[in-house]
Amino acid sequence: MVKKTVLKVDLSGEKGRKKLLKAISGVQGVDKIEMDAAKGTISVTGDADPYDIIVRTRKVGKFVELVSVGPPPAPPKEPQKKPEEKKAEPKKDDKKTDPKPQFHYPVVYTDRYNEPNVGCSIM
């Protein structure tokens, strides 16, 4: 059963956030992770057990407070759009110009014996 687990965690520092994200994403059953640094909350959606998520977070060295566990919110319903009448557009040139030129660099694979300039060799 898919559920949404909301945790309150100290999210100060980019390095700590990366460690925490890596630890939580390793839990089996995690589909989506949302971090809100302003509120200090992490929302985890998926089949993952909330206990496993809390254990992984504490192993990273963070204090965790469970806020809520429940079903994820339903996606917002979009109202049906009326089909609009197609207006006759003036014909455009078939040739489109690319705003940025793309460069393709050749890739040459070598091993250490075929390199032309070996930095160090011990005989």
PDB file of N, CA and C in Angstrom:
ATOM      1  N   MET A   1       0.829  -1.174   0.000  1.00  0.00           N
ATOM      2  CA  MET A   1       0.000   0.000   0.000  1.00  0.00           C
ATOM      3  C   MET A   1       0.880   1.245   0.000  1.00  0.00           C
ATOM      4  N   VAL A   2       0.623   2.147  -0.891  1.00  0.00           N
ATOM      5  CA  VAL A   2       1.413   3.365  -0.998  1.00  0.00           C
ATOM      6  C   VAL A   2       0.996   4.324   0.115  1.00  0.00           C
ATOM      7  N   LYS A   3       1.998   4.864   0.808  1.00  0.00           N
ATOM      8  CA  LYS A   3       1.719   5.812   1.878  1.00  0.00           C
ATOM      9  C   LYS A   3       2.744   6.930   1.861  1.00  0.00           C
ATOM     10  N   LYS A   4       2.393   8.028   2.483  1.00  0.00           N
ATOM     11  CA  LYS A   4       3.268   9.189   2.551  1.00  0.00           C
ATOM     12  C   LYS A   4       3.723   9.355   3.993  1.00  0.00           C
ATOM     13  N   THR A   5       5.041   9.349   4.195  1.00  0.00           N
ATOM     14  CA  THR A   5       5.633   9.504   5.514  1.00  0.00           C
ATOM     15  C   THR A   5       6.297  10.872   5.576  1.00  0.00           C
ATOM     16  N   VAL A   6       5.928  11.667   6.566  1.00  0.00           N
ATOM     17  CA  VAL A   6       6.507  13.002   6.730  1.00  0.00           C
ATOM     18  C   VAL A   6       7.347  12.999   7.995  1.00  0.00           C
ATOM     19  N   LEU A   7       8.626  13.410   7.856  1.00  0.00           N
ATOM     20  CA  LEU A   7       9.565  13.437   8.972  1.00  0.00           C
ATOM     21  C   LEU A   7      10.088  14.851   9.168  1.00  0.00           C
ATOM     22  N   LYS A   8      10.353  15.208  10.412  1.00  0.00           N
ATOM     23  CA  LYS A   8      10.966  16.502  10.716  1.00  0.00           C
ATOM     24  C   LYS A   8      12.427  16.232  11.059  1.00  0.00           C
ATOM     25  N   VAL A   9      13.333  16.833  10.275  1.00  0.00           N
ATOM     26  CA  VAL A   9      14.762  16.578  10.410  1.00  0.00           C
ATOM     27  C   VAL A   9      15.508  17.896  10.257  1.00  0.00           C
ATOM     28  N   ASP A  10      16.651  18.024  10.925  1.00  0.00           N
ATOM     29  CA  ASP A  10      17.508  19.194  10.754  1.00  0.00           C
ATOM     30  C   ASP A  10      18.215  19.069   9.409  1.00  0.00           C
ATOM     31  N   LEU A  11      17.914  19.966   8.471  1.00  0.00           N
ATOM     32  CA  LEU A  11      18.471  19.895   7.118  1.00  0.00           C
ATOM     33  C   LEU A  11      19.496  20.996   6.876  1.00  0.00           C
ATOM     34  N   SER A  12      20.322  21.288   7.846  1.00  0.00           N
ATOM     35  CA  SER A  12      21.330  22.328   7.658  1.00  0.00           C
ATOM     36  C   SER A  12      22.561  21.721   6.996  1.00  0.00           C
ATOM     37  N   GLY A  13      23.048  22.382   5.996  1.00  0.00           N
ATOM     38  CA  GLY A  13      24.252  21.929   5.308  1.00  0.00           C
ATOM     39  C   GLY A  13      23.960  21.060   4.110  1.00  0.00           C
ATOM     40  N   GLU A  14      24.607  21.367   3.007  1.00  0.00           N
ATOM     41  CA  GLU A  14      24.398  20.630   1.754  1.00  0.00           C
ATOM     42  C   GLU A  14      24.920  19.198   1.873  1.00  0.00           C
ATOM     43  N   LYS A  15      26.038  19.019   2.550  1.00  0.00           N
ATOM     44  CA  LYS A  15      26.630  17.690   2.677  1.00  0.00           C
ATOM     45  C   LYS A  15      25.715  16.752   3.480  1.00  0.00           C
ATOM     46  N   GLY A  16      25.125  17.262   4.538  1.00  0.00           N
ATOM     47  CA  GLY A  16      24.209  16.465   5.347  1.00  0.00           C
ATOM     48  C   GLY A  16      22.954  16.091   4.580  1.00  0.00           C
ATOM     49  N   ARG A  17      22.453  17.022   3.746  1.00  0.00           N
ATOM     50  CA  ARG A  17      21.272  16.733   2.941  1.00  0.00           C
ATOM     51  C   ARG A  17      21.556  15.637   1.928  1.00  0.00           C
ATOM     52  N   LYS A  18      22.731  15.683   1.308  1.00  0.00           N
ATOM     53  CA  LYS A  18      23.094  14.658   0.325  1.00  0.00           C
ATOM     54  C   LYS A  18      23.209  13.287   0.982  1.00  0.00           C
ATOM     55  N   LYS A  19      23.830  13.231   2.163  1.00  0.00           N
ATOM     56  CA  LYS A  19      23.953  11.959   2.883  1.00  0.00           C
ATOM     57  C   LYS A  19      22.584  11.408   3.237  1.00  0.00           C
ATOM     58  N   LEU A  20      21.710  12.294   3.697  1.00  0.00           N
ATOM     59  CA  LEU A  20      20.368  11.886   4.095  1.00  0.00           C
ATOM     60  C   LEU A  20      19.562  11.395   2.900  1.00  0.00           C
ATOM     61  N   LEU A  21      19.669  12.097   1.785  1.00  0.00           N
ATOM     62  CA  LEU A  21      18.961  11.702   0.571  1.00  0.00           C
ATOM     63  C   LEU A  21      19.447  10.341   0.081  1.00  0.00           C
ATOM     64  N   LYS A  22      20.747  10.122   0.132  1.00  0.00           N
ATOM     65  CA  LYS A  22      21.321   8.848  -0.310  1.00  0.00           C
ATOM     66  C   LYS A  22      20.874   7.704   0.607  1.00  0.00           C
ATOM     67  N   ALA A  23      20.826   7.968   1.908  1.00  0.00           N
ATOM     68  CA  ALA A  23      20.432   6.928   2.855  1.00  0.00           C
ATOM     69  C   ALA A  23      18.959   6.551   2.693  1.00  0.00           C
ATOM     70  N   ILE A  24      18.103   7.552   2.547  1.00  0.00           N
ATOM     71  CA  ILE A  24      16.667   7.267   2.428  1.00  0.00           C
ATOM     72  C   ILE A  24      16.346   6.626   1.088  1.00  0.00           C
ATOM     73  N   SER A  25      17.027   7.046   0.027  1.00  0.00           N
ATOM     74  CA  SER A  25      16.741   6.465  -1.286  1.00  0.00           C
ATOM     75  C   SER A  25      17.166   5.006  -1.366  1.00  0.00           C
ATOM     76  N   GLY A  26      18.010   4.554  -0.443  1.00  0.00           N
ATOM     77  CA  GLY A  26      18.440   3.162  -0.418  1.00  0.00           C
ATOM     78  C   GLY A  26      17.417   2.216   0.194  1.00  0.00           C
ATOM     79  N   VAL A  27      16.393   2.757   0.830  1.00  0.00           N
ATOM     80  CA  VAL A  27      15.352   1.920   1.439  1.00  0.00           C
ATOM     81  C   VAL A  27      14.480   1.338   0.332  1.00  0.00           C
ATOM     82  N   GLN A  28      14.186   0.056   0.432  1.00  0.00           N
ATOM     83  CA  GLN A  28      13.379  -0.607  -0.589  1.00  0.00           C
ATOM     84  C   GLN A  28      11.935  -0.131  -0.498  1.00  0.00           C
ATOM     85  N   GLY A  29      11.361   0.260  -1.635  1.00  0.00           N
ATOM     86  CA  GLY A  29       9.971   0.684  -1.697  1.00  0.00           C
ATOM     87  C   GLY A  29       9.780   2.184  -1.768  1.00  0.00           C
ATOM     88  N   VAL A  30      10.857   2.963  -1.759  1.00  0.00           N
ATOM     89  CA  VAL A  30      10.744   4.423  -1.834  1.00  0.00           C
ATOM     90  C   VAL A  30      10.533   4.822  -3.286  1.00  0.00           C
ATOM     91  N   ASP A  31       9.450   5.571  -3.552  1.00  0.00           N
ATOM     92  CA  ASP A  31       9.153   6.042  -4.898  1.00  0.00           C
ATOM     93  C   ASP A  31       9.545   7.502  -5.098  1.00  0.00           C
ATOM     94  N   LYS A  32       9.318   8.326  -4.096  1.00  0.00           N
ATOM     95  CA  LYS A  32       9.518   9.765  -4.251  1.00  0.00           C
ATOM     96  C   LYS A  32       9.959  10.359  -2.919  1.00  0.00           C
ATOM     97  N   ILE A  33      10.946  11.268  -2.980  1.00  0.00           N
ATOM     98  CA  ILE A  33      11.434  11.949  -1.788  1.00  0.00           C
ATOM     99  C   ILE A  33      11.369  13.445  -2.050  1.00  0.00           C
ATOM    100  N   GLU A  34      10.743  14.183  -1.138  1.00  0.00           N
ATOM    101  CA  GLU A  34      10.660  15.640  -1.248  1.00  0.00           C
ATOM    102  C   GLU A  34      11.257  16.244   0.013  1.00  0.00           C
ATOM    103  N   MET A  35      12.223  17.170  -0.168  1.00  0.00           N
ATOM    104  CA  MET A  35      12.855  17.826   0.965  1.00  0.00           C
ATOM    105  C   MET A  35      12.441  19.293   0.975  1.00  0.00           C
ATOM    106  N   ASP A  36      12.035  19.789   2.124  1.00  0.00           N
ATOM    107  CA  ASP A  36      11.704  21.187   2.295  1.00  0.00           C
ATOM    108  C   ASP A  36      12.617  21.739   3.389  1.00  0.00           C
ATOM    109  N   ALA A  37      13.697  22.397   2.970  1.00  0.00           N
ATOM    110  CA  ALA A  37      14.691  22.883   3.920  1.00  0.00           C
ATOM    111  C   ALA A  37      14.146  24.020   4.777  1.00  0.00           C
ATOM    112  N   ALA A  38      13.228  24.825   4.232  1.00  0.00           N
ATOM    113  CA  ALA A  38      12.678  25.941   4.988  1.00  0.00           C
ATOM    114  C   ALA A  38      11.880  25.442   6.196  1.00  0.00           C
ATOM    115  N   LYS A  39      11.087  24.396   5.994  1.00  0.00           N
ATOM    116  CA  LYS A  39      10.287  23.835   7.087  1.00  0.00           C
ATOM    117  C   LYS A  39      11.058  22.770   7.861  1.00  0.00           C
ATOM    118  N   GLY A  40      12.081  22.208   7.252  1.00  0.00           N
ATOM    119  CA  GLY A  40      12.853  21.139   7.882  1.00  0.00           C
ATOM    120  C   GLY A  40      12.135  19.808   7.833  1.00  0.00           C
ATOM    121  N   THR A  41      11.398  19.558   6.744  1.00  0.00           N
ATOM    122  CA  THR A  41      10.655  18.307   6.624  1.00  0.00           C
ATOM    123  C   THR A  41      11.089  17.519   5.405  1.00  0.00           C
ATOM    124  N   ILE A  42      10.906  16.210   5.494  1.00  0.00           N
ATOM    125  CA  ILE A  42      11.148  15.304   4.375  1.00  0.00           C
ATOM    126  C   ILE A  42       9.880  14.482   4.196  1.00  0.00           C
ATOM    127  N   SER A  43       9.376  14.421   2.958  1.00  0.00           N
ATOM    128  CA  SER A  43       8.198  13.625   2.641  1.00  0.00           C
ATOM    129  C   SER A  43       8.634  12.467   1.768  1.00  0.00           C
ATOM    130  N   VAL A  44       8.357  11.248   2.210  1.00  0.00           N
ATOM    131  CA  VAL A  44       8.737  10.039   1.482  1.00  0.00           C
ATOM    132  C   VAL A  44       7.449   9.330   1.069  1.00  0.00           C
ATOM    133  N   THR A  45       7.292   9.100  -0.237  1.00  0.00           N
ATOM    134  CA  THR A  45       6.112   8.421  -0.761  1.00  0.00           C
ATOM    135  C   THR A  45       6.529   7.071  -1.324  1.00  0.00           C
ATOM    136  N   GLY A  46       5.766   6.030  -0.988  1.00  0.00           N
ATOM    137  CA  GLY A  46       6.046   4.700  -1.512  1.00  0.00           C
ATOM    138  C   GLY A  46       5.601   3.618  -0.547  1.00  0.00           C
ATOM    139  N   ASP A  47       6.042   2.392  -0.833  1.00  0.00           N
ATOM    140  CA  ASP A  47       5.683   1.235  -0.017  1.00  0.00           C
ATOM    141  C   ASP A  47       6.642   1.015   1.151  1.00  0.00           C
ATOM    142  N   ALA A  48       7.604   1.892   1.330  1.00  0.00           N
ATOM    143  CA  ALA A  48       8.631   1.702   2.349  1.00  0.00           C
ATOM    144  C   ALA A  48       8.040   1.783   3.755  1.00  0.00           C
ATOM    145  N   ASP A  49       8.622   0.997   4.652  1.00  0.00           N
ATOM    146  CA  ASP A  49       8.207   0.989   6.045  1.00  0.00           C
ATOM    147  C   ASP A  49       8.754   2.250   6.732  1.00  0.00           C
ATOM    148  N   PRO A  50       7.912   3.022   7.432  1.00  0.00           N
ATOM    149  CA  PRO A  50       8.392   4.235   8.104  1.00  0.00           C
ATOM    150  C   PRO A  50       9.491   3.948   9.121  1.00  0.00           C
ATOM    151  N   TYR A  51       9.443   2.793   9.773  1.00  0.00           N
ATOM    152  CA  TYR A  51      10.476   2.436  10.738  1.00  0.00           C
ATOM    153  C   TYR A  51      11.844   2.321  10.065  1.00  0.00           C
ATOM    154  N   ASP A  52      11.894   1.699   8.879  1.00  0.00           N
ATOM    155  CA  ASP A  52      13.155   1.578   8.138  1.00  0.00           C
ATOM    156  C   ASP A  52      13.698   2.945   7.751  1.00  0.00           C
ATOM    157  N   ILE A  53      12.813   3.848   7.366  1.00  0.00           N
ATOM    158  CA  ILE A  53      13.238   5.201   6.991  1.00  0.00           C
ATOM    159  C   ILE A  53      13.833   5.920   8.200  1.00  0.00           C
ATOM    160  N   ILE A  54      13.197   5.780   9.361  1.00  0.00           N
ATOM    161  CA  ILE A  54      13.693   6.430  10.577  1.00  0.00           C
ATOM    162  C   ILE A  54      15.038   5.852  10.986  1.00  0.00           C
ATOM    163  N   VAL A  55      15.189   4.531  10.899  1.00  0.00           N
ATOM    164  CA  VAL A  55      16.457   3.893  11.266  1.00  0.00           C
ATOM    165  C   VAL A  55      17.582   4.377  10.357  1.00  0.00           C
ATOM    166  N   ARG A  56      17.327   4.437   9.047  1.00  0.00           N
ATOM    167  CA  ARG A  56      18.354   4.900   8.105  1.00  0.00           C
ATOM    168  C   ARG A  56      18.732   6.356   8.365  1.00  0.00           C
ATOM    169  N   THR A  57      17.756   7.177   8.719  1.00  0.00           N
ATOM    170  CA  THR A  57      18.019   8.588   8.989  1.00  0.00           C
ATOM    171  C   THR A  57      18.862   8.748  10.253  1.00  0.00           C
ATOM    172  N   ARG A  58      18.591   7.954  11.251  1.00  0.00           N
ATOM    173  CA  ARG A  58      19.366   8.041  12.488  1.00  0.00           C
ATOM    174  C   ARG A  58      20.780   7.528  12.296  1.00  0.00           C
ATOM    175  N   LYS A  59      20.975   6.565  11.385  1.00  0.00           N
ATOM    176  CA  LYS A  59      22.330   6.068  11.111  1.00  0.00           C
ATOM    177  C   LYS A  59      23.195   7.151  10.483  1.00  0.00           C
ATOM    178  N   VAL A  60      22.572   8.064   9.740  1.00  0.00           N
ATOM    179  CA  VAL A  60      23.314   9.178   9.145  1.00  0.00           C
ATOM    180  C   VAL A  60      23.751  10.153  10.228  1.00  0.00           C
ATOM    181  N   GLY A  61      23.086  10.121  11.379  1.00  0.00           N
ATOM    182  CA  GLY A  61      23.457  10.991  12.478  1.00  0.00           C
ATOM    183  C   GLY A  61      22.493  12.133  12.680  1.00  0.00           C
ATOM    184  N   LYS A  62      21.292  12.011  12.182  1.00  0.00           N
ATOM    185  CA  LYS A  62      20.294  13.068  12.295  1.00  0.00           C
ATOM    186  C   LYS A  62      19.229  12.666  13.313  1.00  0.00           C
ATOM    187  N   PHE A  63      18.735  13.656  14.060  1.00  0.00           N
ATOM    188  CA  PHE A  63      17.602  13.438  14.954  1.00  0.00           C
ATOM    189  C   PHE A  63      16.338  13.520  14.111  1.00  0.00           C
ATOM    190  N   VAL A  64      15.439  12.551  14.290  1.00  0.00           N
ATOM    191  CA  VAL A  64      14.237  12.454  13.463  1.00  0.00           C
ATOM    192  C   VAL A  64      13.003  12.512  14.346  1.00  0.00           C
ATOM    193  N   GLU A  65      12.013  13.255  13.868  1.00  0.00           N
ATOM    194  CA  GLU A  65      10.714  13.300  14.544  1.00  0.00           C
ATOM    195  C   GLU A  65       9.661  12.959  13.510  1.00  0.00           C
ATOM    196  N   LEU A  66       8.849  11.944  13.783  1.00  0.00           N
ATOM    197  CA  LEU A  66       7.800  11.522  12.870  1.00  0.00           C
ATOM    198  C   LEU A  66       6.632  12.490  12.975  1.00  0.00           C
ATOM    199  N   VAL A  67       6.251  13.088  11.840  1.00  0.00           N
ATOM    200  CA  VAL A  67       5.143  14.040  11.815  1.00  0.00           C
ATOM    201  C   VAL A  67       3.847  13.325  11.481  1.00  0.00           C
ATOM    202  N   SER A  68       3.834  12.572  10.362  1.00  0.00           N
ATOM    203  CA  SER A  68       2.610  11.867   9.986  1.00  0.00           C
ATOM    204  C   SER A  68       2.918  10.720   9.036  1.00  0.00           C
ATOM    205  N   VAL A  69       2.005   9.744   9.052  1.00  0.00           N
ATOM    206  CA  VAL A  69       2.035   8.626   8.115  1.00  0.00           C
ATOM    207  C   VAL A  69       0.608   8.440   7.639  1.00  0.00           C
ATOM    208  N   GLY A  70       0.415   8.416   6.321  1.00  0.00           N
ATOM    209  CA  GLY A  70      -0.929   8.256   5.804  1.00  0.00           C
ATOM    210  C   GLY A  70      -0.923   8.104   4.302  1.00  0.00           C
ATOM    211  N   PRO A  71      -2.102   8.051   3.716  1.00  0.00           N
ATOM    212  CA  PRO A  71      -2.169   7.916   2.260  1.00  0.00           C
ATOM    213  C   PRO A  71      -1.701   9.196   1.578  1.00  0.00           C
ATOM    214  N   PRO A  72      -1.092   9.066   0.403  1.00  0.00           N
ATOM    215  CA  PRO A  72      -0.647  10.266  -0.304  1.00  0.00           C
ATOM    216  C   PRO A  72      -1.854  11.060  -0.794  1.00  0.00           C
ATOM    217  N   PRO A  73      -1.688  12.372  -0.949  1.00  0.00           N
ATOM    218  CA  PRO A  73      -2.814  13.176  -1.432  1.00  0.00           C
ATOM    219  C   PRO A  73      -3.148  12.808  -2.873  1.00  0.00           C
ATOM    220  N   ALA A  74      -4.432  12.884  -3.195  1.00  0.00           N
ATOM    221  CA  ALA A  74      -4.882  12.569  -4.554  1.00  0.00           C
ATOM    222  C   ALA A  74      -4.393  13.654  -5.506  1.00  0.00           C
ATOM    223  N   PRO A  75      -4.029  13.277  -6.728  1.00  0.00           N
ATOM    224  CA  PRO A  75      -3.583  14.291  -7.678  1.00  0.00           C
ATOM    225  C   PRO A  75      -4.740  15.227  -8.020  1.00  0.00           C
ATOM    226  N   PRO A  76      -4.446  16.506  -8.227  1.00  0.00           N
ATOM    227  CA  PRO A  76      -5.517  17.454  -8.530  1.00  0.00           C
ATOM    228  C   PRO A  76      -6.173  17.132  -9.868  1.00  0.00           C
ATOM    229  N   LYS A  77      -7.492  17.250  -9.893  1.00  0.00           N
ATOM    230  CA  LYS A  77      -8.225  16.974 -11.125  1.00  0.00           C
ATOM    231  C   LYS A  77      -8.190  18.222 -12.006  1.00  0.00           C
ATOM    232  N   GLU A  78      -7.935  17.994 -13.256  1.00  0.00           N
ATOM    233  CA  GLU A  78      -7.901  19.096 -14.207  1.00  0.00           C
ATOM    234  C   GLU A  78      -9.266  19.196 -14.889  1.00  0.00           C
ATOM    235  N   PRO A  79      -9.807  20.394 -14.975  1.00  0.00           N
ATOM    236  CA  PRO A  79     -11.097  20.533 -15.666  1.00  0.00           C
ATOM    237  C   PRO A  79     -10.923  20.237 -17.153  1.00  0.00           C
ATOM    238  N   GLN A  80     -11.967  19.679 -17.734  1.00  0.00           N
ATOM    239  CA  GLN A  80     -11.895  19.348 -19.148  1.00  0.00           C
ATOM    240  C   GLN A  80     -11.883  20.634 -19.962  1.00  0.00           C
ATOM    241  N   LYS A  81     -11.018  20.670 -20.901  1.00  0.00           N
ATOM    242  CA  LYS A  81     -10.888  21.850 -21.754  1.00  0.00           C
ATOM    243  C   LYS A  81     -11.762  21.688 -22.981  1.00  0.00           C
ATOM    244  N   LYS A  82     -12.319  22.798 -23.383  1.00  0.00           N
ATOM    245  CA  LYS A  82     -13.131  22.782 -24.595  1.00  0.00           C
ATOM    246  C   LYS A  82     -12.201  22.781 -25.796  1.00  0.00           C
ATOM    247  N   PRO A  83     -12.542  22.026 -26.807  1.00  0.00           N
ATOM    248  CA  PRO A  83     -11.695  22.072 -28.004  1.00  0.00           C
ATOM    249  C   PRO A  83     -11.840  23.433 -28.671  1.00  0.00           C
ATOM    250  N   GLU A  84     -10.713  24.088 -28.817  1.00  0.00           N
ATOM    251  CA  GLU A  84     -10.731  25.418 -29.421  1.00  0.00           C
ATOM    252  C   GLU A  84     -10.674  25.302 -30.942  1.00  0.00           C
ATOM    253  N   GLU A  85     -11.238  26.290 -31.558  1.00  0.00           N
ATOM    254  CA  GLU A  85     -11.204  26.310 -33.018  1.00  0.00           C
ATOM    255  C   GLU A  85      -9.785  26.618 -33.470  1.00  0.00           C
ATOM    256  N   LYS A  86      -9.369  25.904 -34.477  1.00  0.00           N
ATOM    257  CA  LYS A  86      -8.021  26.125 -34.982  1.00  0.00           C
ATOM    258  C   LYS A  86      -8.033  27.340 -35.890  1.00  0.00           C
ATOM    259  N   LYS A  87      -7.168  28.241 -35.581  1.00  0.00           N
ATOM    260  CA  LYS A  87      -7.058  29.452 -36.379  1.00  0.00           C
ATOM    261  C   LYS A  87      -6.015  29.226 -37.461  1.00  0.00           C
ATOM    262  N   ALA A  88      -6.262  29.821 -38.577  1.00  0.00           N
ATOM    263  CA  ALA A  88      -5.313  29.700 -39.683  1.00  0.00           C
ATOM    264  C   ALA A  88      -4.083  30.530 -39.352  1.00  0.00           C
ATOM    265  N   GLU A  89      -2.961  29.847 -39.250  1.00  0.00           N
ATOM    266  CA  GLU A  89      -1.709  30.532 -38.945  1.00  0.00           C
ATOM    267  C   GLU A  89      -0.972  30.812 -40.237  1.00  0.00           C
ATOM    268  N   PRO A  90      -0.282  31.906 -40.293  1.00  0.00           N
ATOM    269  CA  PRO A  90       0.514  32.176 -41.494  1.00  0.00           C
ATOM    270  C   PRO A  90       1.625  31.135 -41.620  1.00  0.00           C
ATOM    271  N   LYS A  91       1.948  30.799 -42.845  1.00  0.00           N
ATOM    272  CA  LYS A  91       2.974  29.781 -43.078  1.00  0.00           C
ATOM    273  C   LYS A  91       4.332  30.318 -42.647  1.00  0.00           C
ATOM    274  N   LYS A  92       5.051  29.442 -41.991  1.00  0.00           N
ATOM    275  CA  LYS A  92       6.388  29.798 -41.525  1.00  0.00           C
ATOM    276  C   LYS A  92       7.402  29.082 -42.391  1.00  0.00           C
ATOM    277  N   ASP A  93       8.610  29.586 -42.356  1.00  0.00           N
ATOM    278  CA  ASP A  93       9.680  28.940 -43.112  1.00  0.00           C
ATOM    279  C   ASP A  93       9.934  27.554 -42.527  1.00  0.00           C
ATOM    280  N   ASP A  94      10.164  26.603 -43.398  1.00  0.00           N
ATOM    281  CA  ASP A  94      10.450  25.244 -42.956  1.00  0.00           C
ATOM    282  C   ASP A  94      11.815  25.146 -42.284  1.00  0.00           C
ATOM    283  N   LYS A  95      12.697  26.046 -42.634  1.00  0.00           N
ATOM    284  CA  LYS A  95      14.044  26.020 -42.067  1.00  0.00           C
ATOM    285  C   LYS A  95      14.028  26.724 -40.715  1.00  0.00           C
ATOM    286  N   LYS A  96      14.411  25.990 -39.713  1.00  0.00           N
ATOM    287  CA  LYS A  96      14.504  26.565 -38.374  1.00  0.00           C
ATOM    288  C   LYS A  96      15.982  26.720 -38.034  1.00  0.00           C
ATOM    289  N   THR A  97      16.310  27.833 -37.446  1.00  0.00           N
ATOM    290  CA  THR A  97      17.700  28.075 -37.076  1.00  0.00           C
ATOM    291  C   THR A  97      17.890  27.675 -35.629  1.00  0.00           C
ATOM    292  N   ASP A  98      18.989  27.007 -35.383  1.00  0.00           N
ATOM    293  CA  ASP A  98      19.322  26.584 -34.043  1.00  0.00           C
ATOM    294  C   ASP A  98      20.028  27.753 -33.358  1.00  0.00           C
ATOM    295  N   PRO A  99      19.553  28.225 -32.207  1.00  0.00           N
ATOM    296  CA  PRO A  99      20.165  29.395 -31.594  1.00  0.00           C
ATOM    297  C   PRO A  99      21.595  29.146 -31.120  1.00  0.00           C
ATOM    298  N   LYS A 100      21.906  27.930 -30.707  1.00  0.00           N
ATOM    299  CA  LYS A 100      23.257  27.626 -30.256  1.00  0.00           C
ATOM    300  C   LYS A 100      23.839  26.535 -31.140  1.00  0.00           C
ATOM    301  N   PRO A 101      25.009  26.744 -31.682  1.00  0.00           N
ATOM    302  CA  PRO A 101      25.611  25.674 -32.488  1.00  0.00           C
ATOM    303  C   PRO A 101      26.068  24.537 -31.572  1.00  0.00           C
ATOM    304  N   GLN A 102      25.956  23.328 -32.057  1.00  0.00           N
ATOM    305  CA  GLN A 102      26.363  22.170 -31.284  1.00  0.00           C
ATOM    306  C   GLN A 102      27.690  21.660 -31.827  1.00  0.00           C
ATOM    307  N   PHE A 103      28.611  21.429 -30.906  1.00  0.00           N
ATOM    308  CA  PHE A 103      29.920  20.946 -31.281  1.00  0.00           C
ATOM    309  C   PHE A 103      30.051  19.493 -30.861  1.00  0.00           C
ATOM    310  N   HIS A 104      30.636  18.699 -31.717  1.00  0.00           N
ATOM    311  CA  HIS A 104      30.865  17.294 -31.418  1.00  0.00           C
ATOM    312  C   HIS A 104      32.363  17.056 -31.422  1.00  0.00           C
ATOM    313  N   TYR A 105      32.879  16.618 -30.294  1.00  0.00           N
ATOM    314  CA  TYR A 105      34.297  16.369 -30.167  1.00  0.00           C
ATOM    315  C   TYR A 105      34.551  14.879 -30.304  1.00  0.00           C
ATOM    316  N   PRO A 106      35.591  14.501 -31.048  1.00  0.00           N
ATOM    317  CA  PRO A 106      35.889  13.076 -31.171  1.00  0.00           C
ATOM    318  C   PRO A 106      36.471  12.538 -29.854  1.00  0.00           C
ATOM    319  N   VAL A 107      36.156  11.318 -29.555  1.00  0.00           N
ATOM    320  CA  VAL A 107      36.655  10.671 -28.346  1.00  0.00           C
ATOM    321  C   VAL A 107      37.628   9.591 -28.776  1.00  0.00           C
ATOM    322  N   VAL A 108      38.838   9.648 -28.247  1.00  0.00           N
ATOM    323  CA  VAL A 108      39.865   8.683 -28.574  1.00  0.00           C
ATOM    324  C   VAL A 108      40.206   7.920 -27.305  1.00  0.00           C
ATOM    325  N   TYR A 109      40.050   6.614 -27.339  1.00  0.00           N
ATOM    326  CA  TYR A 109      40.343   5.779 -26.190  1.00  0.00           C
ATOM    327  C   TYR A 109      41.754   5.227 -26.328  1.00  0.00           C
ATOM    328  N   THR A 110      42.533   5.402 -25.281  1.00  0.00           N
ATOM    329  CA  THR A 110      43.890   4.865 -25.265  1.00  0.00           C
ATOM    330  C   THR A 110      44.111   4.186 -23.925  1.00  0.00           C
ATOM    331  N   ASP A 111      45.075   3.290 -23.910  1.00  0.00           N
ATOM    332  CA  ASP A 111      45.457   2.723 -22.638  1.00  0.00           C
ATOM    333  C   ASP A 111      46.804   3.314 -22.261  1.00  0.00           C
ATOM    334  N   ARG A 112      47.347   2.952 -21.138  1.00  0.00           N
ATOM    335  CA  ARG A 112      48.551   3.628 -20.668  1.00  0.00           C
ATOM    336  C   ARG A 112      49.791   3.269 -21.490  1.00  0.00           C
ATOM    337  N   TYR A 113      49.760   2.183 -22.240  1.00  0.00           N
ATOM    338  CA  TYR A 113      50.926   1.804 -23.028  1.00  0.00           C
ATOM    339  C   TYR A 113      50.963   2.536 -24.367  1.00  0.00           C
ATOM    340  N   ASN A 114      49.829   2.977 -24.856  1.00  0.00           N
ATOM    341  CA  ASN A 114      49.789   3.646 -26.150  1.00  0.00           C
ATOM    342  C   ASN A 114      49.754   5.168 -26.040  1.00  0.00           C
ATOM    343  N   GLU A 115      49.829   5.701 -24.841  1.00  0.00           N
ATOM    344  CA  GLU A 115      49.818   7.144 -24.691  1.00  0.00           C
ATOM    345  C   GLU A 115      51.122   7.722 -25.217  1.00  0.00           C
ATOM    346  N   PRO A 116      51.043   8.842 -25.913  1.00  0.00           N
ATOM    347  CA  PRO A 116      52.264   9.420 -26.482  1.00  0.00           C
ATOM    348  C   PRO A 116      53.166  10.078 -25.423  1.00  0.00           C
ATOM    349  N   ASN A 117      52.594  10.568 -24.330  1.00  0.00           N
ATOM    350  CA  ASN A 117      53.381  11.309 -23.353  1.00  0.00           C
ATOM    351  C   ASN A 117      53.150  10.697 -21.978  1.00  0.00           C
ATOM    352  N   VAL A 118      53.980   9.742 -21.623  1.00  0.00           N
ATOM    353  CA  VAL A 118      53.844   9.085 -20.343  1.00  0.00           C
ATOM    354  C   VAL A 118      54.535   9.940 -19.296  1.00  0.00           C
ATOM    355  N   GLY A 119      53.824  10.256 -18.205  1.00  0.00           N
ATOM    356  CA  GLY A 119      54.361  11.156 -17.194  1.00  0.00           C
ATOM    357  C   GLY A 119      55.433  10.530 -16.330  1.00  0.00           C
ATOM    358  N   CYS A 120      55.306   9.284 -15.982  1.00  0.00           N
ATOM    359  CA  CYS A 120      56.248   8.674 -15.075  1.00  0.00           C
ATOM    360  C   CYS A 120      56.468   7.221 -15.486  1.00  0.00           C
ATOM    361  N   SER A 121      57.688   6.793 -15.483  1.00  0.00           N
ATOM    362  CA  SER A 121      57.965   5.397 -15.761  1.00  0.00           C
ATOM    363  C   SER A 121      59.066   4.912 -14.835  1.00  0.00           C
ATOM    364  N   ILE A 122      58.901   3.760 -14.321  1.00  0.00           N
ATOM    365  CA  ILE A 122      59.910   3.167 -13.431  1.00  0.00           C
ATOM    366  C   ILE A 122      60.475   1.946 -14.130  1.00  0.00           C
ATOM    367  N   MET A 123      61.796   1.899 -14.231  1.00  0.00           N
ATOM    368  CA  MET A 123      62.426   0.805 -14.931  1.00  0.00           C
ATOM    369  C   MET A 123      63.044  -0.168 -14.009  1.00  0.00           C
TER     370      MET A 123
END
